[in-house]
C-alpha atoms as a PDB file:
ATOM      1  CA  UNK A   1     -23.114   3.587 -44.959  1.00  0.00           C
ATOM      2  CA  UNK A   2     -20.476   1.251 -46.347  1.00  0.00           C
ATOM      3  CA  UNK A   3     -22.028   1.526 -49.829  1.00  0.00           C
ATOM      4  CA  UNK A   4     -21.576   5.305 -49.749  1.00  0.00           C
ATOM      5  CA  UNK A   5     -17.984   5.385 -48.547  1.00  0.00           C
ATOM      6  CA  UNK A   6     -15.389   4.831 -51.235  1.00  0.00           C
ATOM      7  CA  UNK A   7     -11.830   4.333 -50.015  1.00  0.00           C
ATOM      8  CA  UNK A   8     -10.523   2.810 -53.234  1.00  0.00           C
ATOM      9  CA  UNK A   9      -7.046   4.070 -54.011  1.00  0.00           C
ATOM     10  CA  UNK A  10      -6.333   4.943 -50.378  1.00  0.00           C
ATOM     11  CA  UNK A  11      -3.678   3.235 -48.280  1.00  0.00           C
ATOM     12  CA  UNK A  12      -4.307   2.960 -44.546  1.00  0.00           C
ATOM     13  CA  UNK A  13      -2.194   1.820 -41.626  1.00  0.00           C
ATOM     14  CA  UNK A  14      -3.967   0.556 -38.511  1.00  0.00           C
ATOM     15  CA  UNK A  15      -2.148   0.313 -35.184  1.00  0.00           C
ATOM     16  CA  UNK A  16      -3.427  -1.725 -32.256  1.00  0.00           C
ATOM     17  CA  UNK A  17      -4.608  -5.095 -33.545  1.00  0.00           C
ATOM     18  CA  UNK A  18      -4.547  -7.658 -30.717  1.00  0.00           C
ATOM     19  CA  UNK A  19      -7.405 -10.057 -31.408  1.00  0.00           C
ATOM     20  CA  UNK A  20     -10.890 -10.285 -32.927  1.00  0.00           C
ATOM     21  CA  UNK A  21     -12.330  -8.158 -30.086  1.00  0.00           C
ATOM     22  CA  UNK A  22     -10.005  -5.236 -30.843  1.00  0.00           C
ATOM     23  CA  UNK A  23     -11.546  -1.979 -31.964  1.00  0.00           C
ATOM     24  CA  UNK A  24      -8.676  -1.916 -34.467  1.00  0.00           C
ATOM     25  CA  UNK A  25     -10.115  -5.090 -36.015  1.00  0.00           C
ATOM     26  CA  UNK A  26     -13.564  -3.552 -36.443  1.00  0.00           C
ATOM     27  CA  UNK A  27     -11.988  -0.501 -38.060  1.00  0.00           C
ATOM     28  CA  UNK A  28      -9.781  -2.616 -40.330  1.00  0.00           C
ATOM     29  CA  UNK A  29     -12.816  -4.560 -41.552  1.00  0.00           C
ATOM     30  CA  UNK A  30     -14.717  -1.385 -42.437  1.00  0.00           C
ATOM     31  CA  UNK A  31     -11.723   0.228 -44.165  1.00  0.00           C
ATOM     32  CA  UNK A  32     -11.241  -2.955 -46.184  1.00  0.00           C
ATOM     33  CA  UNK A  33     -14.942  -3.004 -47.031  1.00  0.00           C
ATOM     34  CA  UNK A  34     -14.570   0.519 -48.392  1.00  0.00           C
ATOM     35  CA  UNK A  35     -11.746  -0.575 -50.683  1.00  0.00           C
ATOM     36  CA  UNK A  36      -8.680   0.718 -48.817  1.00  0.00           C
ATOM     37  CA  UNK A  37      -5.320  -1.015 -49.093  1.00  0.00           C
ATOM     38  CA  UNK A  38      -4.361  -2.014 -45.539  1.00  0.00           C
ATOM     39  CA  UNK A  39      -1.199  -2.280 -43.473  1.00  0.00           C
ATOM     40  CA  UNK A  40      -2.119  -3.633 -40.036  1.00  0.00           C
ATOM     41  CA  UNK A  41       0.245  -3.434 -37.063  1.00  0.00           C
ATOM     42  CA  UNK A  42       0.487  -5.595 -33.969  1.00  0.00           C
ATOM     43  CA  UNK A  43       2.746  -4.937 -30.996  1.00  0.00           C
ATOM     44  CA  UNK A  44       5.108  -7.891 -30.670  1.00  0.00           C
ATOM     45  CA  UNK A  45       6.037 -11.442 -31.612  1.00  0.00           C
ATOM     46  CA  UNK A  46       3.645 -12.864 -29.011  1.00  0.00           C
ATOM     47  CA  UNK A  47       0.674 -11.329 -30.841  1.00  0.00           C
ATOM     48  CA  UNK A  48       1.906 -12.210 -34.322  1.00  0.00           C
ATOM     49  CA  UNK A  49       0.130 -15.537 -34.877  1.00  0.00           C
ATOM     50  CA  UNK A  50      -3.336 -14.356 -33.853  1.00  0.00           C
ATOM     51  CA  UNK A  51      -2.928 -11.058 -35.692  1.00  0.00           C
ATOM     52  CA  UNK A  52      -1.881 -12.736 -38.940  1.00  0.00           C
ATOM     53  CA  UNK A  53      -4.788 -15.165 -38.664  1.00  0.00           C
ATOM     54  CA  UNK A  54      -7.144 -12.184 -38.733  1.00  0.00           C
ATOM     55  CA  UNK A  55      -5.238 -10.220 -41.356  1.00  0.00           C
ATOM     56  CA  UNK A  56      -5.491 -13.167 -43.734  1.00  0.00           C
ATOM     57  CA  UNK A  57      -9.272 -12.735 -43.636  1.00  0.00           C
ATOM     58  CA  UNK A  58      -8.848  -9.391 -45.451  1.00  0.00           C
ATOM     59  CA  UNK A  59      -7.462 -10.125 -48.938  1.00  0.00           C
ATOM     60  CA  UNK A  60      -4.612  -7.797 -49.828  1.00  0.00           C
ATOM     61  CA  UNK A  61      -3.982  -6.627 -46.251  1.00  0.00           C
ATOM     62  CA  UNK A  62      -0.463  -7.013 -44.874  1.00  0.00           C
ATOM     63  CA  UNK A  63       0.793  -7.354 -41.298  1.00  0.00           C
ATOM     64  CA  UNK A  64       3.659  -5.476 -39.694  1.00  0.00           C
ATOM     65  CA  UNK A  65       5.141  -5.605 -36.197  1.00  0.00           C
ATOM     66  CA  UNK A  66       5.734  -2.350 -34.321  1.00  0.00           C
ATOM     67  CA  UNK A  67       5.943  -1.403 -30.668  1.00  0.00           C
ATOM     68  CA  UNK A  68       4.878   2.259 -30.715  1.00  0.00           C
ATOM     69  CA  UNK A  69       6.841   2.958 -27.522  1.00  0.00           C
ATOM     70  CA  UNK A  70      10.065   2.440 -29.535  1.00  0.00           C
ATOM     71  CA  UNK A  71      11.231   5.247 -31.832  1.00  0.00           C
ATOM     72  CA  UNK A  72      13.533   2.763 -33.549  1.00  0.00           C
ATOM     73  CA  UNK A  73      10.706   0.387 -34.404  1.00  0.00           C
ATOM     74  CA  UNK A  74       8.548   3.277 -35.650  1.00  0.00           C
ATOM     75  CA  UNK A  75      11.369   4.471 -37.931  1.00  0.00           C
ATOM     76  CA  UNK A  76      11.910   0.963 -39.292  1.00  0.00           C
ATOM     77  CA  UNK A  77       8.206   0.460 -39.906  1.00  0.00           C
ATOM     78  CA  UNK A  78       7.696   3.689 -41.829  1.00  0.00           C
ATOM     79  CA  UNK A  79      10.769   3.015 -43.954  1.00  0.00           C
ATOM     80  CA  UNK A  80       9.143  -0.313 -44.866  1.00  0.00           C
ATOM     81  CA  UNK A  81       5.821   1.376 -45.582  1.00  0.00           C
ATOM     82  CA  UNK A  82       7.466   3.965 -47.832  1.00  0.00           C
ATOM     83  CA  UNK A  83       9.192   1.238 -49.822  1.00  0.00           C
ATOM     84  CA  UNK A  84       6.073  -0.949 -50.001  1.00  0.00           C
ATOM     85  CA  UNK A  85       3.334   1.633 -50.645  1.00  0.00           C
ATOM     86  CA  UNK A  86       5.030   4.910 -51.530  1.00  0.00           C
ATOM     87  CA  UNK A  87       2.431   7.035 -49.774  1.00  0.00           C
ATOM     88  CA  UNK A  88      -0.182   6.871 -47.028  1.00  0.00           C
ATOM     89  CA  UNK A  89      -3.644   8.357 -46.805  1.00  0.00           C
ATOM     90  CA  UNK A  90      -5.008   7.127 -43.457  1.00  0.00           C
ATOM     91  CA  UNK A  91      -3.526   6.329 -40.059  1.00  0.00           C
ATOM     92  CA  UNK A  92      -5.537   4.714 -37.264  1.00  0.00           C
ATOM     93  CA  UNK A  93      -4.080   4.844 -33.744  1.00  0.00           C
ATOM     94  CA  UNK A  94      -5.971   2.359 -31.557  1.00  0.00           C
ATOM     95  CA  UNK A  95      -3.352   2.010 -28.839  1.00  0.00           C
ATOM     96  CA  UNK A  96      -3.653   2.497 -25.076  1.00  0.00           C
ATOM     97  CA  UNK A  97      -1.998   1.007 -22.012  1.00  0.00           C
ATOM     98  CA  UNK A  98      -1.507   1.685 -18.303  1.00  0.00           C
ATOM     99  CA  UNK A  99      -0.051  -0.671 -15.696  1.00  0.00           C
ATOM    100  CA  UNK A 100      -2.762  -2.700 -13.981  1.00  0.00           C
ATOM    101  CA  UNK A 101      -1.741  -1.534 -10.509  1.00  0.00           C
ATOM    102  CA  UNK A 102      -2.380   2.067 -11.545  1.00  0.00           C
ATOM    103  CA  UNK A 103      -5.839   1.262 -12.904  1.00  0.00           C
ATOM    104  CA  UNK A 104      -7.087   0.002  -9.555  1.00  0.00           C
ATOM    105  CA  UNK A 105      -7.406   1.538  -6.132  1.00  0.00           C
ATOM    106  CA  UNK A 106      -7.446   5.254  -5.379  1.00  0.00           C
ATOM    107  CA  UNK A 107      -6.288   7.651  -8.112  1.00  0.00           C
ATOM    108  CA  UNK A 108      -4.246   9.650  -5.593  1.00  0.00           C
ATOM    109  CA  UNK A 109      -1.933   6.629  -5.309  1.00  0.00           C
ATOM    110  CA  UNK A 110      -1.013   6.665  -9.017  1.00  0.00           C
ATOM    111  CA  UNK A 111       2.700   5.961  -9.301  1.00  0.00           C
ATOM    112  CA  UNK A 112       5.077   8.285 -11.143  1.00  0.00           C
ATOM    113  CA  UNK A 113       6.149   5.428 -13.424  1.00  0.00           C
ATOM    114  CA  UNK A 114       2.570   4.346 -14.085  1.00  0.00           C
ATOM    115  CA  UNK A 115       1.664   7.909 -15.060  1.00  0.00           C
ATOM    116  CA  UNK A 116       4.668   8.085 -17.383  1.00  0.00           C
ATOM    117  CA  UNK A 117       3.932   4.763 -19.076  1.00  0.00           C
ATOM    118  CA  UNK A 118       0.246   5.570 -19.590  1.00  0.00           C
ATOM    119  CA  UNK A 119       1.072   8.853 -21.287  1.00  0.00           C
ATOM    120  CA  UNK A 120       3.999   7.501 -23.294  1.00  0.00           C
ATOM    121  CA  UNK A 121       2.111   4.561 -24.788  1.00  0.00           C
ATOM    122  CA  UNK A 122      -1.365   6.066 -25.000  1.00  0.00           C
ATOM    123  CA  UNK A 123      -0.574   9.683 -25.936  1.00  0.00           C
ATOM    124  CA  UNK A 124       2.984  10.353 -27.080  1.00  0.00           C
ATOM    125  CA  UNK A 125       2.781   7.414 -29.478  1.00  0.00           C
ATOM    126  CA  UNK A 126       0.150   9.335 -31.471  1.00  0.00           C
ATOM    127  CA  UNK A 127       2.598  12.213 -31.905  1.00  0.00           C
ATOM    128  CA  UNK A 128       5.405   9.820 -32.843  1.00  0.00           C
ATOM    129  CA  UNK A 129       3.492   7.895 -35.503  1.00  0.00           C
ATOM    130  CA  UNK A 130       1.866  11.059 -36.882  1.00  0.00           C
ATOM    131  CA  UNK A 131       5.280  12.668 -37.297  1.00  0.00           C
ATOM    132  CA  UNK A 132       6.533   9.578 -39.121  1.00  0.00           C
ATOM    133  CA  UNK A 133       3.435   9.331 -41.313  1.00  0.00           C
ATOM    134  CA  UNK A 134       3.177  12.986 -42.345  1.00  0.00           C
ATOM    135  CA  UNK A 135       5.963  12.884 -45.001  1.00  0.00           C
ATOM    136  CA  UNK A 136       4.165   9.953 -46.660  1.00  0.00           C
ATOM    137  CA  UNK A 137       0.800  11.753 -46.737  1.00  0.00           C
ATOM    138  CA  UNK A 138       1.760  13.663 -49.861  1.00  0.00           C
ATOM    139  CA  UNK A 139      -1.859  14.194 -50.908  1.00  0.00           C
ATOM    140  CA  UNK A 140      -3.063  15.047 -47.415  1.00  0.00           C
ATOM    141  CA  UNK A 141      -4.542  12.450 -45.113  1.00  0.00           C
ATOM    142  CA  UNK A 142      -6.657  11.472 -42.141  1.00  0.00           C
ATOM    143  CA  UNK A 143      -5.324  10.472 -38.719  1.00  0.00           C
ATOM    144  CA  UNK A 144      -7.801   8.849 -36.320  1.00  0.00           C
ATOM    145  CA  UNK A 145      -7.342   7.906 -32.671  1.00  0.00           C
ATOM    146  CA  UNK A 146      -9.577   6.338 -30.027  1.00  0.00           C
ATOM    147  CA  UNK A 147     -10.632   8.028 -26.806  1.00  0.00           C
ATOM    148  CA  UNK A 148     -13.281   7.519 -24.122  1.00  0.00           C
ATOM    149  CA  UNK A 149     -15.723   9.572 -22.012  1.00  0.00           C
ATOM    150  CA  UNK A 150     -13.424   9.112 -18.989  1.00  0.00           C
ATOM    151  CA  UNK A 151     -11.313  11.883 -20.522  1.00  0.00           C
ATOM    152  CA  UNK A 152     -13.850  14.500 -19.416  1.00  0.00           C
ATOM    153  CA  UNK A 153     -15.821  12.919 -16.570  1.00  0.00           C
ATOM    154  CA  UNK A 154     -14.650  10.786 -13.666  1.00  0.00           C
ATOM    155  CA  UNK A 155     -15.313   7.122 -14.425  1.00  0.00           C
ATOM    156  CA  UNK A 156     -14.692   4.815 -11.449  1.00  0.00           C
ATOM    157  CA  UNK A 157     -11.681   2.534 -11.937  1.00  0.00           C
ATOM    158  CA  UNK A 158     -10.534   4.333 -15.109  1.00  0.00           C
ATOM    159  CA  UNK A 159      -8.058   6.387 -13.081  1.00  0.00           C
ATOM    160  CA  UNK A 160      -4.793   7.315 -14.829  1.00  0.00           C
ATOM    161  CA  UNK A 161      -6.158   6.238 -18.203  1.00  0.00           C
ATOM    162  CA  UNK A 162      -8.800   8.972 -17.951  1.00  0.00           C
ATOM    163  CA  UNK A 163      -6.066  11.558 -17.504  1.00  0.00           C
ATOM    164  CA  UNK A 164      -4.151  10.051 -20.430  1.00  0.00           C
ATOM    165  CA  UNK A 165      -7.237  10.186 -22.649  1.00  0.00           C
ATOM    166  CA  UNK A 166      -7.729  13.861 -21.720  1.00  0.00           C
ATOM    167  CA  UNK A 167      -4.151  14.492 -22.839  1.00  0.00           C
ATOM    168  CA  UNK A 168      -4.829  12.488 -26.005  1.00  0.00           C
ATOM    169  CA  UNK A 169      -7.820  14.675 -26.900  1.00  0.00           C
ATOM    170  CA  UNK A 170      -5.718  17.824 -26.388  1.00  0.00           C
ATOM    171  CA  UNK A 171      -3.010  16.245 -28.543  1.00  0.00           C
ATOM    172  CA  UNK A 172      -5.559  15.724 -31.321  1.00  0.00           C
ATOM    173  CA  UNK A 173      -6.325  19.430 -31.308  1.00  0.00           C
ATOM    174  CA  UNK A 174      -2.669  20.497 -31.351  1.00  0.00           C
ATOM    175  CA  UNK A 175      -1.757  17.977 -34.056  1.00  0.00           C
ATOM    176  CA  UNK A 176      -4.690  19.110 -36.193  1.00  0.00           C
ATOM    177  CA  UNK A 177      -3.334  22.664 -36.041  1.00  0.00           C
ATOM    178  CA  UNK A 178       0.230  21.550 -36.693  1.00  0.00           C
ATOM    179  CA  UNK A 179      -0.571  19.258 -39.623  1.00  0.00           C
ATOM    180  CA  UNK A 180      -3.510  21.172 -41.117  1.00  0.00           C
ATOM    181  CA  UNK A 181      -1.356  23.151 -43.571  1.00  0.00           C
ATOM    182  CA  UNK A 182      -0.342  19.790 -45.072  1.00  0.00           C
ATOM    183  CA  UNK A 183      -4.038  18.947 -45.528  1.00  0.00           C
ATOM    184  CA  UNK A 184      -3.754  16.259 -42.852  1.00  0.00           C
ATOM    185  CA  UNK A 185      -6.805  15.974 -40.615  1.00  0.00           C
ATOM    186  CA  UNK A 186      -6.644  14.600 -37.054  1.00  0.00           C
ATOM    187  CA  UNK A 187      -9.715  13.427 -35.151  1.00  0.00           C
ATOM    188  CA  UNK A 188     -10.691  11.211 -32.227  1.00  0.00           C
ATOM    189  CA  UNK A 189     -13.539   8.746 -31.875  1.00  0.00           C
ATOM    190  CA  UNK A 190     -14.909   8.542 -28.342  1.00  0.00           C
ATOM    191  CA  UNK A 191     -16.284   5.014 -28.289  1.00  0.00           C
ATOM    192  CA  UNK A 192     -18.503   3.583 -25.600  1.00  0.00           C
ATOM    193  CA  UNK A 193     -17.109   0.703 -23.546  1.00  0.00           C
ATOM    194  CA  UNK A 194     -16.341  -2.462 -25.511  1.00  0.00           C
ATOM    195  CA  UNK A 195     -15.072  -5.741 -24.105  1.00  0.00           C
ATOM    196  CA  UNK A 196     -11.573  -5.575 -25.596  1.00  0.00           C
ATOM    197  CA  UNK A 197      -8.273  -6.945 -24.311  1.00  0.00           C
ATOM    198  CA  UNK A 198      -7.284  -3.458 -23.109  1.00  0.00           C
ATOM    199  CA  UNK A 199     -10.654  -2.911 -21.418  1.00  0.00           C
ATOM    200  CA  UNK A 200     -10.115  -5.948 -19.225  1.00  0.00           C
ATOM    201  CA  UNK A 201      -7.712  -3.830 -17.204  1.00  0.00           C
ATOM    202  CA  UNK A 202     -10.575  -1.565 -16.132  1.00  0.00           C
ATOM    203  CA  UNK A 203     -12.207  -2.675 -12.892  1.00  0.00           C
ATOM    204  CA  UNK A 204     -15.896  -3.653 -12.949  1.00  0.00           C
ATOM    205  CA  UNK A 205     -16.102  -3.514 -16.754  1.00  0.00           C
ATOM    206  CA  UNK A 206     -19.270  -5.606 -16.640  1.00  0.00           C
ATOM    207  CA  UNK A 207     -21.005  -2.978 -14.510  1.00  0.00           C
ATOM    208  CA  UNK A 208     -19.852  -0.256 -16.893  1.00  0.00           C
ATOM    209  CA  UNK A 209     -21.259  -2.136 -19.915  1.00  0.00           C
ATOM    210  CA  UNK A 210     -24.551  -2.768 -18.133  1.00  0.00           C
ATOM    211  CA  UNK A 211     -24.934   0.882 -17.113  1.00  0.00           C
ATOM    212  CA  UNK A 212     -24.210   2.147 -20.614  1.00  0.00           C
ATOM    213  CA  UNK A 213     -26.781  -0.222 -22.100  1.00  0.00           C
ATOM    214  CA  UNK A 214     -29.396   0.842 -19.536  1.00  0.00           C
ATOM    215  CA  UNK A 215     -28.783   4.598 -19.643  1.00  0.00           C
ATOM    216  CA  UNK A 216     -27.853   5.372 -23.250  1.00  0.00           C
ATOM    217  CA  UNK A 217     -30.681   6.698 -25.450  1.00  0.00           C
ATOM    218  CA  UNK A 218     -30.340   3.696 -27.790  1.00  0.00           C
ATOM    219  CA  UNK A 219     -30.440   1.276 -24.820  1.00  0.00           C
ATOM    220  CA  UNK A 220     -27.515  -0.764 -26.050  1.00  0.00           C
ATOM    221  CA  UNK A 221     -23.736  -0.896 -26.179  1.00  0.00           C
ATOM    222  CA  UNK A 222     -21.701   0.017 -29.230  1.00  0.00           C
ATOM    223  CA  UNK A 223     -19.734  -2.657 -31.087  1.00  0.00           C
ATOM    224  CA  UNK A 224     -16.453  -2.638 -32.991  1.00  0.00           C
ATOM    225  CA  UNK A 225     -18.043  -2.463 -36.431  1.00  0.00           C
ATOM    226  CA  UNK A 226     -20.080   0.607 -35.494  1.00  0.00           C
ATOM    227  CA  UNK A 227     -16.865   2.335 -34.451  1.00  0.00           C
ATOM    228  CA  UNK A 228     -15.334   1.059 -37.673  1.00  0.00           C
ATOM    229  CA  UNK A 229     -18.083   2.691 -39.713  1.00  0.00           C
ATOM    230  CA  UNK A 230     -17.329   6.080 -38.192  1.00  0.00           C
ATOM    231  CA  UNK A 231     -13.612   5.563 -38.795  1.00  0.00           C
ATOM    232  CA  UNK A 232     -14.346   4.771 -42.446  1.00  0.00           C
ATOM    233  CA  UNK A 233     -16.266   8.062 -42.698  1.00  0.00           C
ATOM    234  CA  UNK A 234     -13.362   9.979 -41.133  1.00  0.00           C
ATOM    235  CA  UNK A 235     -10.960   8.217 -43.498  1.00  0.00           C
ATOM    236  CA  UNK A 236     -13.019   9.237 -46.521  1.00  0.00           C
ATOM    237  CA  UNK A 237     -13.281  12.476 -48.460  1.00  0.00           C
ATOM    238  CA  UNK A 238     -16.808  12.894 -47.052  1.00  0.00           C
ATOM    239  CA  UNK A 239     -15.202  14.211 -43.831  1.00  0.00           C
ATOM    240  CA  UNK A 240     -12.844  16.548 -45.649  1.00  0.00           C
ATOM    241  CA  UNK A 241     -13.678  19.614 -43.501  1.00  0.00           C
ATOM    242  CA  UNK A 242     -13.574  17.848 -40.099  1.00  0.00           C
ATOM    243  CA  UNK A 243     -10.423  18.079 -38.011  1.00  0.00           C
ATOM    244  CA  UNK A 244      -9.426  18.513 -34.368  1.00  0.00           C
ATOM    245  CA  UNK A 245     -12.724  17.015 -33.286  1.00  0.00           C
ATOM    246  CA  UNK A 246     -13.940  14.250 -30.983  1.00  0.00           C
ATOM    247  CA  UNK A 247     -16.860  12.275 -32.385  1.00  0.00           C
ATOM    248  CA  UNK A 248     -18.920  10.227 -29.932  1.00  0.00           C
ATOM    249  CA  UNK A 249     -19.857   6.699 -30.946  1.00  0.00           C
ATOM    250  CA  UNK A 250     -21.427   5.591 -27.675  1.00  0.00           C
ATOM    251  CA  UNK A 251     -25.143   5.165 -28.418  1.00  0.00           C
ATOM    252  CA  UNK A 252     -25.665   8.674 -27.002  1.00  0.00           C
ATOM    253  CA  UNK A 253     -24.493   7.920 -23.469  1.00  0.00           C
ATOM    254  CA  UNK A 254     -22.454  11.155 -23.271  1.00  0.00           C
ATOM    255  CA  UNK A 255     -25.547  13.381 -23.582  1.00  0.00           C
ATOM    256  CA  UNK A 256     -27.225  12.007 -20.461  1.00  0.00           C
ATOM    257  CA  UNK A 257     -27.079  13.829 -17.146  1.00  0.00           C
ATOM    258  CA  UNK A 258     -27.926  10.704 -15.108  1.00  0.00           C
END
């Protein structure tokens, strides 16, 4: 697939790099492989050293710090991107968070603040960065976010994050309608469970991984680079007529009844 996808001449920004297990890292590798110029964002100073260690493995990629829950930091970042690159072609939003206490126990006990934080960081941030990116996507563009099957079916221990992912998928549809006239496409990748830093907050992740591997048609779990390959396709002109959609990259798990 990588040999067929040409991203040369495209500039991409990837949000959500935490470490080498991050889905954002798998996507960044595949975009780089396709020839895209990369700006890669990490959340805060604490993550800077590990993020830059990875970014240095992709010649020409540059690192930027941005907490997507801060409108001020988003504005500063996109001013830097405009000065550095002039325009953008691709935006990858691989960001999600909910307080640990709201990811465990009974969903009915979800706190008001936990609900707010989950939706602010995991959903509203997509709107915020898309709004900031749109003026730089002067030749159109592709915006990609990450979702999960828990958006449409109850997944034990996923709790408030499942509700946030459902809102994220609706946001993809509304953004695709809003930004379509500017030739900006917006899509979601629904990835199977992957052992990322964020996924550690989900209870019994090991059981979830085992079940997916046993029940999916391909009898395995997806990895970051497989998600990255789909992101590279969505970033490319090959997906030029796809928008507002959710593409499953979960080894077929979502098609199974039981």
